[in-house]
Amino acid sequence: MIDIISLISMVAIPLFVLIVLVLGTFKRLPTYDLFVEGGKEGLTIAVSLLPYLLGMLVSISIFRSSGALDFVISLLEPVLNIIRVPSEIVPLALTKPISGTAALAVTSDLLKSYGPDSFIGRLASTMQGSTDTTLYIITIYFGSVGIKKMGDALKVGLLTDIIGIITAITVITILFG
């Protein structure tokens, strides 16, 4: 038997589309023409975002393949040992602001290696949920509307990522450390 949450999740989007079409028709708007125009605009935006997205993906690949990630981890390891933070979590902390997909792959690897109920597994899961893909978001959103000056947004976004990482480490250490 289908429960109420499953039923709502199955009908929410089709019902929303139906309501928009009915309201548009009721207001005598050319709903199909507007739909096609929105599709064209979406495609134009997607094409304009490709250079930014490609640049971000190439940068991530170079960062990981060049050994720079391993070098950064080796530099941070003495400090991390003093504050009792596992160095295995650094790749996630560094990749999450850049790419959600790369961060999800790192989290998946950590969960496979250490298990979801381990300290590292819990920390990785919490960090995955408490930080955002700041550089990706700024690249896509600012690039799509042509904003060139993004310094303050970048600073605030990275600051919130750092706060999310510190909070995740603190909470997981208190609860499970």
C-alpha atoms as a PDB file:
ATOM      1  CA  MET A   1       0.000   0.000   0.000  1.00  0.00           C
ATOM      2  CA  ILE A   2       1.276   3.469  -0.891  1.00  0.00           C
ATOM      3  CA  ASP A   3       1.832   5.755   2.074  1.00  0.00           C
ATOM      4  CA  ILE A   4       0.927   9.462   2.008  1.00  0.00           C
ATOM      5  CA  ILE A   5       4.541  10.703   1.564  1.00  0.00           C
ATOM      6  CA  SER A   6       5.078   8.477  -1.465  1.00  0.00           C
ATOM      7  CA  LEU A   7       1.780   9.604  -2.946  1.00  0.00           C
ATOM      8  CA  ILE A   8       2.633  13.283  -2.472  1.00  0.00           C
ATOM      9  CA  SER A   9       6.097  12.827  -3.982  1.00  0.00           C
ATOM     10  CA  MET A  10       4.629  11.086  -7.038  1.00  0.00           C
ATOM     11  CA  VAL A  11       2.001  13.729  -7.783  1.00  0.00           C
ATOM     12  CA  ALA A  12       3.681  16.972  -6.629  1.00  0.00           C
ATOM     13  CA  ILE A  13       5.476  17.958  -9.837  1.00  0.00           C
ATOM     14  CA  PRO A  14       2.780  16.810 -12.299  1.00  0.00           C
ATOM     15  CA  LEU A  15       0.177  18.590 -10.156  1.00  0.00           C
ATOM     16  CA  PHE A  16       2.263  21.781 -10.116  1.00  0.00           C
ATOM     17  CA  VAL A  17       2.623  21.691 -13.914  1.00  0.00           C
ATOM     18  CA  LEU A  18      -1.107  21.111 -14.291  1.00  0.00           C
ATOM     19  CA  ILE A  19      -1.942  24.034 -11.978  1.00  0.00           C
ATOM     20  CA  VAL A  20       0.411  26.353 -13.913  1.00  0.00           C
ATOM     21  CA  LEU A  21      -1.144  25.302 -17.232  1.00  0.00           C
ATOM     22  CA  VAL A  22      -4.697  25.719 -15.943  1.00  0.00           C
ATOM     23  CA  LEU A  23      -3.942  29.145 -14.436  1.00  0.00           C
ATOM     24  CA  GLY A  24      -2.170  30.244 -17.619  1.00  0.00           C
ATOM     25  CA  THR A  25      -5.076  29.104 -19.752  1.00  0.00           C
ATOM     26  CA  PHE A  26      -7.566  30.750 -17.383  1.00  0.00           C
ATOM     27  CA  LYS A  27      -5.658  34.052 -17.729  1.00  0.00           C
ATOM     28  CA  ARG A  28      -5.705  33.557 -21.522  1.00  0.00           C
ATOM     29  CA  LEU A  29      -1.922  33.300 -21.809  1.00  0.00           C
ATOM     30  CA  PRO A  30      -0.306  31.373 -24.683  1.00  0.00           C
ATOM     31  CA  THR A  31       0.942  28.620 -22.347  1.00  0.00           C
ATOM     32  CA  TYR A  32       2.507  26.426 -25.031  1.00  0.00           C
ATOM     33  CA  ASP A  33       4.343  29.347 -26.648  1.00  0.00           C
ATOM     34  CA  LEU A  34       5.617  30.453 -23.236  1.00  0.00           C
ATOM     35  CA  PHE A  35       6.739  26.893 -22.499  1.00  0.00           C
ATOM     36  CA  VAL A  36       8.706  26.699 -25.773  1.00  0.00           C
ATOM     37  CA  GLU A  37      10.208  30.156 -25.152  1.00  0.00           C
ATOM     38  CA  GLY A  38      11.344  29.037 -21.678  1.00  0.00           C
ATOM     39  CA  GLY A  39      12.931  25.936 -23.192  1.00  0.00           C
ATOM     40  CA  LYS A  40      14.843  28.052 -25.726  1.00  0.00           C
ATOM     41  CA  GLU A  41      16.034  30.380 -22.963  1.00  0.00           C
ATOM     42  CA  GLY A  42      17.145  27.407 -20.839  1.00  0.00           C
ATOM     43  CA  LEU A  43      19.118  25.968 -23.740  1.00  0.00           C
ATOM     44  CA  THR A  44      20.785  29.332 -24.387  1.00  0.00           C
ATOM     45  CA  ILE A  45      21.797  29.596 -20.735  1.00  0.00           C
ATOM     46  CA  ALA A  46      23.123  26.026 -20.735  1.00  0.00           C
ATOM     47  CA  VAL A  47      25.282  26.712 -23.804  1.00  0.00           C
ATOM     48  CA  SER A  48      26.614  29.952 -22.276  1.00  0.00           C
ATOM     49  CA  LEU A  49      27.594  28.065 -19.106  1.00  0.00           C
ATOM     50  CA  LEU A  50      29.622  25.374 -20.882  1.00  0.00           C
ATOM     51  CA  PRO A  51      32.948  27.303 -20.924  1.00  0.00           C
ATOM     52  CA  TYR A  52      32.688  27.985 -17.174  1.00  0.00           C
ATOM     53  CA  LEU A  53      31.758  24.388 -16.419  1.00  0.00           C
ATOM     54  CA  LEU A  54      34.520  23.016 -18.636  1.00  0.00           C
ATOM     55  CA  GLY A  55      37.077  25.306 -16.988  1.00  0.00           C
ATOM     56  CA  MET A  56      36.001  24.123 -13.533  1.00  0.00           C
ATOM     57  CA  LEU A  57      36.177  20.432 -14.500  1.00  0.00           C
ATOM     58  CA  VAL A  58      39.623  20.814 -16.087  1.00  0.00           C
ATOM     59  CA  SER A  59      40.892  22.676 -13.009  1.00  0.00           C
ATOM     60  CA  ILE A  60      39.676  19.905 -10.702  1.00  0.00           C
ATOM     61  CA  SER A  61      41.294  17.253 -12.862  1.00  0.00           C
ATOM     62  CA  ILE A  62      44.617  19.104 -12.932  1.00  0.00           C
ATOM     63  CA  PHE A  63      44.536  19.638  -9.155  1.00  0.00           C
ATOM     64  CA  ARG A  64      44.015  15.948  -8.465  1.00  0.00           C
ATOM     65  CA  SER A  65      46.268  14.547 -11.209  1.00  0.00           C
ATOM     66  CA  SER A  66      49.221  16.845 -10.587  1.00  0.00           C
ATOM     67  CA  GLY A  67      49.750  15.593  -7.054  1.00  0.00           C
ATOM     68  CA  ALA A  68      48.931  19.009  -5.591  1.00  0.00           C
ATOM     69  CA  LEU A  69      46.191  17.459  -3.452  1.00  0.00           C
ATOM     70  CA  ASP A  70      48.623  14.948  -1.950  1.00  0.00           C
ATOM     71  CA  PHE A  71      51.150  17.735  -1.355  1.00  0.00           C
ATOM     72  CA  VAL A  72      48.593  19.857   0.507  1.00  0.00           C
ATOM     73  CA  ILE A  73      47.616  16.866   2.640  1.00  0.00           C
ATOM     74  CA  SER A  74      51.264  16.191   3.536  1.00  0.00           C
ATOM     75  CA  LEU A  75      51.683  19.842   4.569  1.00  0.00           C
ATOM     76  CA  LEU A  76      48.579  19.776   6.763  1.00  0.00           C
ATOM     77  CA  GLU A  77      49.184  16.373   8.358  1.00  0.00           C
ATOM     78  CA  PRO A  78      51.307  17.548  11.355  1.00  0.00           C
ATOM     79  CA  VAL A  79      48.708  20.151  12.332  1.00  0.00           C
ATOM     80  CA  LEU A  80      45.861  17.694  11.813  1.00  0.00           C
ATOM     81  CA  ASN A  81      47.562  15.152  14.079  1.00  0.00           C
ATOM     82  CA  ILE A  82      47.829  17.735  16.867  1.00  0.00           C
ATOM     83  CA  ILE A  83      44.123  18.595  16.715  1.00  0.00           C
ATOM     84  CA  ARG A  84      43.162  14.928  16.176  1.00  0.00           C
ATOM     85  CA  VAL A  85      41.547  15.331  12.774  1.00  0.00           C
ATOM     86  CA  PRO A  86      42.116  12.405  10.404  1.00  0.00           C
ATOM     87  CA  SER A  87      44.072  13.432   7.313  1.00  0.00           C
ATOM     88  CA  GLU A  88      41.835  11.169   5.219  1.00  0.00           C
ATOM     89  CA  ILE A  89      39.127  13.829   5.443  1.00  0.00           C
ATOM     90  CA  VAL A  90      41.241  16.585   3.810  1.00  0.00           C
ATOM     91  CA  PRO A  91      40.447  15.575   0.197  1.00  0.00           C
ATOM     92  CA  LEU A  92      36.745  15.934   0.984  1.00  0.00           C
ATOM     93  CA  ALA A  93      37.259  19.313   2.657  1.00  0.00           C
ATOM     94  CA  LEU A  94      39.227  20.562  -0.349  1.00  0.00           C
ATOM     95  CA  THR A  95      37.047  19.142  -3.124  1.00  0.00           C
ATOM     96  CA  LYS A  96      33.592  19.937  -1.724  1.00  0.00           C
ATOM     97  CA  PRO A  97      33.793  23.706  -2.428  1.00  0.00           C
ATOM     98  CA  ILE A  98      34.874  22.906  -5.988  1.00  0.00           C
ATOM     99  CA  SER A  99      32.696  20.002  -7.093  1.00  0.00           C
ATOM    100  CA  GLY A 100      29.797  18.168  -5.502  1.00  0.00           C
ATOM    101  CA  THR A 101      30.347  15.131  -7.714  1.00  0.00           C
ATOM    102  CA  ALA A 102      34.032  14.880  -6.807  1.00  0.00           C
ATOM    103  CA  ALA A 103      33.170  15.336  -3.128  1.00  0.00           C
ATOM    104  CA  LEU A 104      30.529  12.620  -3.355  1.00  0.00           C
ATOM    105  CA  ALA A 105      33.111  10.280  -4.904  1.00  0.00           C
ATOM    106  CA  VAL A 106      35.545  11.054  -2.060  1.00  0.00           C
ATOM    107  CA  THR A 107      32.797  10.477   0.524  1.00  0.00           C
ATOM    108  CA  SER A 108      31.844   7.210  -1.151  1.00  0.00           C
ATOM    109  CA  ASP A 109      35.473   6.037  -1.081  1.00  0.00           C
ATOM    110  CA  LEU A 110      35.787   6.974   2.601  1.00  0.00           C
ATOM    111  CA  LEU A 111      32.584   5.105   3.446  1.00  0.00           C
ATOM    112  CA  LYS A 112      33.775   2.029   1.544  1.00  0.00           C
ATOM    113  CA  SER A 113      37.206   2.128   3.187  1.00  0.00           C
ATOM    114  CA  TYR A 114      36.240   2.939   6.778  1.00  0.00           C
ATOM    115  CA  GLY A 115      32.519   2.150   6.963  1.00  0.00           C
ATOM    116  CA  PRO A 116      29.579   4.474   7.588  1.00  0.00           C
ATOM    117  CA  ASP A 117      29.646   3.952  11.374  1.00  0.00           C
ATOM    118  CA  SER A 118      33.325   4.819  11.783  1.00  0.00           C
ATOM    119  CA  PHE A 119      34.510   8.220  12.971  1.00  0.00           C
ATOM    120  CA  ILE A 120      35.771   9.043   9.465  1.00  0.00           C
ATOM    121  CA  GLY A 121      32.531   7.809   7.877  1.00  0.00           C
ATOM    122  CA  ARG A 122      30.380   9.905  10.182  1.00  0.00           C
ATOM    123  CA  LEU A 123      32.631  12.922   9.735  1.00  0.00           C
ATOM    124  CA  ALA A 124      32.616  12.588   5.942  1.00  0.00           C
ATOM    125  CA  SER A 125      28.833  12.257   5.871  1.00  0.00           C
ATOM    126  CA  THR A 126      28.374  15.283   8.115  1.00  0.00           C
ATOM    127  CA  MET A 127      30.847  17.371   6.110  1.00  0.00           C
ATOM    128  CA  GLN A 128      29.118  16.352   2.888  1.00  0.00           C
ATOM    129  CA  GLY A 129      25.859  17.741   4.239  1.00  0.00           C
ATOM    130  CA  SER A 130      27.168  20.837   6.002  1.00  0.00           C
ATOM    131  CA  THR A 131      29.272  22.406   3.255  1.00  0.00           C
ATOM    132  CA  ASP A 132      28.452  23.545  -0.259  1.00  0.00           C
ATOM    133  CA  THR A 133      29.985  23.644  -3.717  1.00  0.00           C
ATOM    134  CA  THR A 134      30.881  27.321  -3.426  1.00  0.00           C
ATOM    135  CA  LEU A 135      33.226  27.675  -6.405  1.00  0.00           C
ATOM    136  CA  TYR A 136      30.894  25.701  -8.640  1.00  0.00           C
ATOM    137  CA  ILE A 137      27.870  27.766  -7.600  1.00  0.00           C
ATOM    138  CA  ILE A 138      29.676  31.074  -8.052  1.00  0.00           C
ATOM    139  CA  THR A 139      31.048  29.986 -11.428  1.00  0.00           C
ATOM    140  CA  ILE A 140      27.659  28.862 -12.735  1.00  0.00           C
ATOM    141  CA  TYR A 141      25.381  31.543 -11.276  1.00  0.00           C
ATOM    142  CA  PHE A 142      27.667  34.515 -11.700  1.00  0.00           C
ATOM    143  CA  GLY A 143      28.765  33.314 -15.135  1.00  0.00           C
ATOM    144  CA  SER A 144      25.191  32.872 -16.321  1.00  0.00           C
ATOM    145  CA  VAL A 145      24.301  36.503 -15.622  1.00  0.00           C
ATOM    146  CA  GLY A 146      27.675  37.978 -16.576  1.00  0.00           C
ATOM    147  CA  ILE A 147      28.854  39.156 -13.164  1.00  0.00           C
ATOM    148  CA  LYS A 148      32.622  39.582 -13.183  1.00  0.00           C
ATOM    149  CA  LYS A 149      33.232  40.919  -9.664  1.00  0.00           C
ATOM    150  CA  MET A 150      32.639  38.009  -7.324  1.00  0.00           C
ATOM    151  CA  GLY A 151      35.304  38.555  -4.659  1.00  0.00           C
ATOM    152  CA  ASP A 152      33.012  39.235  -1.695  1.00  0.00           C
ATOM    153  CA  ALA A 153      30.661  36.366  -2.576  1.00  0.00           C
ATOM    154  CA  LEU A 154      33.661  34.058  -2.883  1.00  0.00           C
ATOM    155  CA  LYS A 155      35.049  35.130   0.509  1.00  0.00           C
ATOM    156  CA  VAL A 156      31.714  34.672   2.264  1.00  0.00           C
ATOM    157  CA  GLY A 157      31.044  31.353   0.537  1.00  0.00           C
ATOM    158  CA  LEU A 158      34.445  29.910   1.437  1.00  0.00           C
ATOM    159  CA  LEU A 159      34.108  31.243   4.991  1.00  0.00           C
ATOM    160  CA  THR A 160      30.812  29.400   5.384  1.00  0.00           C
ATOM    161  CA  ASP A 161      32.458  26.241   4.041  1.00  0.00           C
ATOM    162  CA  ILE A 162      35.241  26.561   6.627  1.00  0.00           C
ATOM    163  CA  ILE A 163      32.664  27.116   9.374  1.00  0.00           C
ATOM    164  CA  GLY A 164      30.738  24.061   8.144  1.00  0.00           C
ATOM    165  CA  ILE A 165      33.890  21.923   8.217  1.00  0.00           C
ATOM    166  CA  ILE A 166      34.896  23.113  11.704  1.00  0.00           C
ATOM    167  CA  THR A 167      31.362  22.586  12.993  1.00  0.00           C
ATOM    168  CA  ALA A 168      31.180  19.087  11.492  1.00  0.00           C
ATOM    169  CA  ILE A 169      34.511  18.138  13.085  1.00  0.00           C
ATOM    170  CA  THR A 170      33.484  19.600  16.450  1.00  0.00           C
ATOM    171  CA  VAL A 171      30.040  17.975  16.556  1.00  0.00           C
ATOM    172  CA  ILE A 172      31.235  14.547  15.402  1.00  0.00           C
ATOM    173  CA  THR A 173      34.160  14.654  17.851  1.00  0.00           C
ATOM    174  CA  ILE A 174      31.827  15.550  20.728  1.00  0.00           C
ATOM    175  CA  LEU A 175      29.223  12.933  19.779  1.00  0.00           C
ATOM    176  CA  PHE A 176      31.421  10.070  18.581  1.00  0.00           C
ATOM    177  CA  GLY A 177      35.037  10.982  19.367  1.00  0.00           C
END
